[in-house]
């Protein structure tokens, strides 16, 4: 009985998916991203007899990149796709590399025959390299934009997105005297906090 119910449920689900108006698409975009970070150290640095402990400062930098996406549009209303881009923001002279891969969902709102606006959300992973160390973390956020159809296959896209992240590459903890600086359980870090992107692209619908 249970097997029969399961088979029936799978059949209904499969039939429902097949009944959807499904359109595959791929796309490229030019993106400008602003990445906010926090630079600092934990522990204590003693300079000329004065102790400095657990200092930090905010930093940000912008970088341009090319992103790629691929996915499906369901019933001309729901857009589901994977997205990837790589950034190399220069944080206060510290060379960094940031790989972004997300799974995105957009709800498409029809404005007229050639134009849609959309709002959506994303979740994924950021791989962050800084200070000679690698760190991966979950990222998530929201996006909104505009789609304009040139013809039945080609559309232009403009949009913005905001992502929260929690990546914090950290150097090993050290103690000792270096010139006139005495370090006690000191460790430097470069924490990735969030990212805002603006992008312009083109999509091809099969």
Protein backbone atom coordinates (compact mmCIF):
# COMPACT_ATOMS: atom_id res chain seq x y z
CA UNK A 1 0.00 0.00 0.00
CA UNK A 2 2.78 2.44 0.97
CA UNK A 3 4.70 1.62 -2.21
CA UNK A 4 1.58 2.27 -4.29
CA UNK A 5 1.03 5.65 -2.62
CA UNK A 6 4.67 6.60 -3.13
CA UNK A 7 4.56 5.61 -6.80
CA UNK A 8 1.35 7.61 -7.27
CA UNK A 9 2.88 10.68 -5.57
CA UNK A 10 6.01 10.49 -7.74
CA UNK A 11 3.87 10.15 -10.87
CA UNK A 12 1.79 13.19 -9.94
CA UNK A 13 4.93 15.24 -9.14
CA UNK A 14 6.60 14.23 -12.40
CA UNK A 15 3.48 15.05 -14.40
CA UNK A 16 3.20 18.46 -12.71
CA UNK A 17 6.80 19.35 -13.56
CA UNK A 18 6.36 18.22 -17.16
CA UNK A 19 3.22 20.38 -17.42
CA UNK A 20 5.16 23.52 -16.46
CA UNK A 21 6.31 25.92 -19.17
CA UNK A 22 10.08 25.42 -18.71
CA UNK A 23 12.74 27.53 -20.43
CA UNK A 24 16.49 27.03 -19.97
CA UNK A 25 18.76 30.10 -20.04
CA UNK A 26 22.40 31.13 -19.66
CA UNK A 27 23.82 34.58 -19.07
CA UNK A 28 26.85 36.82 -18.62
CA UNK A 29 27.06 40.03 -16.64
CA UNK A 30 29.53 42.79 -15.90
CA UNK A 31 29.44 43.44 -12.18
CA UNK A 32 30.82 46.10 -9.85
CA UNK A 33 31.02 44.97 -6.25
CA UNK A 34 31.72 46.85 -3.02
CA UNK A 35 33.07 44.57 -0.29
CA UNK A 36 33.02 45.67 3.36
CA UNK A 37 35.58 44.15 5.74
CA UNK A 38 37.04 44.60 9.18
CA UNK A 39 40.84 44.58 9.62
CA UNK A 40 42.40 44.07 13.04
CA UNK A 41 44.23 41.91 15.50
CA UNK A 42 43.58 40.14 18.76
CA UNK A 43 46.03 39.98 21.65
CA UNK A 44 48.40 42.75 22.74
CA UNK A 45 51.10 44.77 21.02
CA UNK A 46 53.36 46.77 23.35
CA UNK A 47 55.11 49.70 21.66
CA UNK A 48 57.44 51.96 23.71
CA UNK A 49 55.79 50.76 26.91
CA UNK A 50 52.22 51.41 25.69
CA UNK A 51 49.84 48.44 25.29
CA UNK A 52 47.47 48.19 22.33
CA UNK A 53 44.92 45.38 22.53
CA UNK A 54 42.24 43.99 20.21
CA UNK A 55 42.29 46.83 17.68
CA UNK A 56 40.15 46.84 14.55
CA UNK A 57 39.13 49.17 11.74
CA UNK A 58 36.58 49.01 8.93
CA UNK A 59 37.72 48.89 5.34
CA UNK A 60 36.06 48.57 1.95
CA UNK A 61 37.02 48.26 -1.68
CA UNK A 62 35.32 47.91 -5.04
CA UNK A 63 36.23 45.57 -7.85
CA UNK A 64 34.81 44.74 -11.27
CA UNK A 65 34.35 41.25 -12.65
CA UNK A 66 32.42 39.09 -15.09
CA UNK A 67 29.77 36.71 -13.74
CA UNK A 68 28.08 33.72 -15.34
CA UNK A 69 24.68 32.19 -14.65
CA UNK A 70 22.63 29.21 -15.85
CA UNK A 71 19.19 28.00 -14.90
CA UNK A 72 15.52 27.64 -15.78
CA UNK A 73 12.43 29.83 -15.94
CA UNK A 74 9.21 28.11 -14.83
CA UNK A 75 5.83 29.31 -16.11
CA UNK A 76 7.44 32.68 -17.02
CA UNK A 77 7.22 33.57 -13.34
CA UNK A 78 9.86 31.69 -11.34
CA UNK A 79 13.56 31.90 -12.20
CA UNK A 80 16.00 29.46 -10.57
CA UNK A 81 19.69 29.59 -11.44
CA UNK A 82 23.28 29.12 -10.31
CA UNK A 83 25.66 32.10 -10.39
CA UNK A 84 29.46 32.39 -10.21
CA UNK A 85 31.93 35.28 -10.17
CA UNK A 86 35.44 35.99 -8.89
CA UNK A 87 36.61 39.25 -7.32
CA UNK A 88 40.04 40.51 -6.25
CA UNK A 89 39.43 43.46 -3.91
CA UNK A 90 42.54 45.18 -2.50
CA UNK A 91 41.89 45.71 1.22
CA UNK A 92 44.21 48.33 2.71
CA UNK A 93 47.06 47.01 0.58
CA UNK A 94 46.25 43.37 1.40
CA UNK A 95 45.75 41.25 -1.72
CA UNK A 96 42.59 39.16 -1.53
CA UNK A 97 40.68 36.78 -3.77
CA UNK A 98 36.96 36.14 -3.43
CA UNK A 99 35.10 33.36 -5.27
CA UNK A 100 31.31 33.57 -5.15
CA UNK A 101 28.89 30.75 -6.05
CA UNK A 102 25.18 31.06 -5.25
CA UNK A 103 21.83 29.41 -5.89
CA UNK A 104 19.26 32.09 -6.73
CA UNK A 105 15.48 32.37 -6.91
CA UNK A 106 13.68 35.31 -8.56
CA UNK A 107 9.97 36.03 -8.78
CA UNK A 108 9.26 37.66 -12.15
CA UNK A 109 6.59 40.36 -12.39
CA UNK A 110 5.28 41.10 -15.89
CA UNK A 111 5.29 44.81 -16.75
CA UNK A 112 4.49 44.44 -20.45
CA UNK A 113 5.25 41.98 -23.26
CA UNK A 114 8.94 42.94 -23.35
CA UNK A 115 9.73 43.81 -19.74
CA UNK A 116 9.78 42.12 -16.34
CA UNK A 117 10.93 43.28 -12.94
CA UNK A 118 12.06 40.77 -10.35
CA UNK A 119 12.78 40.35 -6.67
CA UNK A 120 14.52 37.37 -5.18
CA UNK A 121 16.90 35.78 -2.72
CA UNK A 122 20.11 33.77 -2.85
CA UNK A 123 22.23 31.47 -0.73
CA UNK A 124 25.64 30.06 -1.47
CA UNK A 125 29.30 29.95 -0.55
CA UNK A 126 32.11 32.49 -0.52
CA UNK A 127 35.71 31.24 -0.76
CA UNK A 128 37.98 33.97 0.57
CA UNK A 129 41.78 34.05 0.41
CA UNK A 130 43.73 36.68 2.34
CA UNK A 131 46.88 36.89 4.43
CA UNK A 132 48.01 33.61 2.91
CA UNK A 133 45.02 31.70 4.31
CA UNK A 134 41.82 30.30 2.76
CA UNK A 135 38.41 30.49 4.37
CA UNK A 136 34.94 29.39 3.20
CA UNK A 137 31.61 30.49 4.59
CA UNK A 138 27.90 30.57 3.87
CA UNK A 139 26.54 33.73 2.28
CA UNK A 140 22.95 34.81 1.72
CA UNK A 141 21.05 37.87 0.60
CA UNK A 142 18.50 39.49 -1.69
CA UNK A 143 18.43 40.90 -5.21
CA UNK A 144 16.15 42.93 -7.49
CA UNK A 145 16.32 44.02 -11.10
CA UNK A 146 14.83 44.50 -14.53
CA UNK A 147 14.70 42.19 -17.58
CA UNK A 148 14.09 43.55 -21.10
CA UNK A 149 13.52 41.18 -24.03
CA UNK A 150 15.25 42.08 -27.31
CA UNK A 151 13.60 39.08 -28.99
CA UNK A 152 12.29 35.67 -27.91
CA UNK A 153 15.83 34.43 -27.10
CA UNK A 154 17.87 37.43 -25.98
CA UNK A 155 17.20 39.68 -23.01
CA UNK A 156 19.08 42.43 -21.22
CA UNK A 157 19.31 42.50 -17.43
CA UNK A 158 20.21 45.14 -14.85
CA UNK A 159 20.10 44.59 -11.11
CA UNK A 160 21.52 45.02 -7.63
CA UNK A 161 22.14 42.52 -4.84
CA UNK A 162 23.16 42.55 -1.19
CA UNK A 163 24.85 39.63 0.57
CA UNK A 164 25.78 38.97 4.19
CA UNK A 165 28.94 36.93 4.78
CA UNK A 166 30.94 35.69 7.73
CA UNK A 167 34.46 34.86 6.56
CA UNK A 168 37.45 35.57 8.81
CA UNK A 169 40.91 34.39 7.68
CA UNK A 170 43.28 34.63 10.66
CA UNK A 171 47.06 34.39 11.03
CA UNK A 172 48.63 32.07 13.63
CA UNK A 173 48.91 33.43 17.18
CA UNK A 174 52.43 34.65 18.01
CA UNK A 175 54.31 36.08 21.00
CA UNK A 176 57.73 37.66 21.03
CA UNK A 177 59.76 40.81 20.49
CA UNK A 178 60.13 42.24 16.98
CA UNK A 179 62.32 45.36 16.85
CA UNK A 180 60.67 47.65 19.43
CA UNK A 181 57.30 45.84 19.37
CA UNK A 182 56.41 43.17 21.94
CA UNK A 183 53.58 40.86 20.83
CA UNK A 184 51.58 38.81 23.32
CA UNK A 185 49.18 36.20 21.92
CA UNK A 186 48.75 38.40 18.85
CA UNK A 187 46.92 37.36 15.69
CA UNK A 188 45.88 39.44 12.67
CA UNK A 189 42.61 38.92 10.77
CA UNK A 190 40.70 40.28 7.79
CA UNK A 191 36.97 39.70 8.29
CA UNK A 192 34.59 39.74 5.33
CA UNK A 193 31.24 41.23 6.39
CA UNK A 194 29.02 41.98 3.38
CA UNK A 195 28.97 42.74 -0.33
CA UNK A 196 26.83 44.97 -2.54
CA UNK A 197 26.78 44.31 -6.30
CA UNK A 198 25.43 46.26 -9.26
CA UNK A 199 25.37 44.41 -12.57
CA UNK A 200 24.43 44.68 -16.24
CA UNK A 201 24.19 41.60 -18.41
CA UNK A 202 22.69 39.67 -21.26
CA UNK A 203 20.85 36.33 -21.13
CA UNK A 204 20.15 33.78 -23.84
CA UNK A 205 16.93 31.75 -23.51
CA UNK A 206 16.75 28.40 -25.35
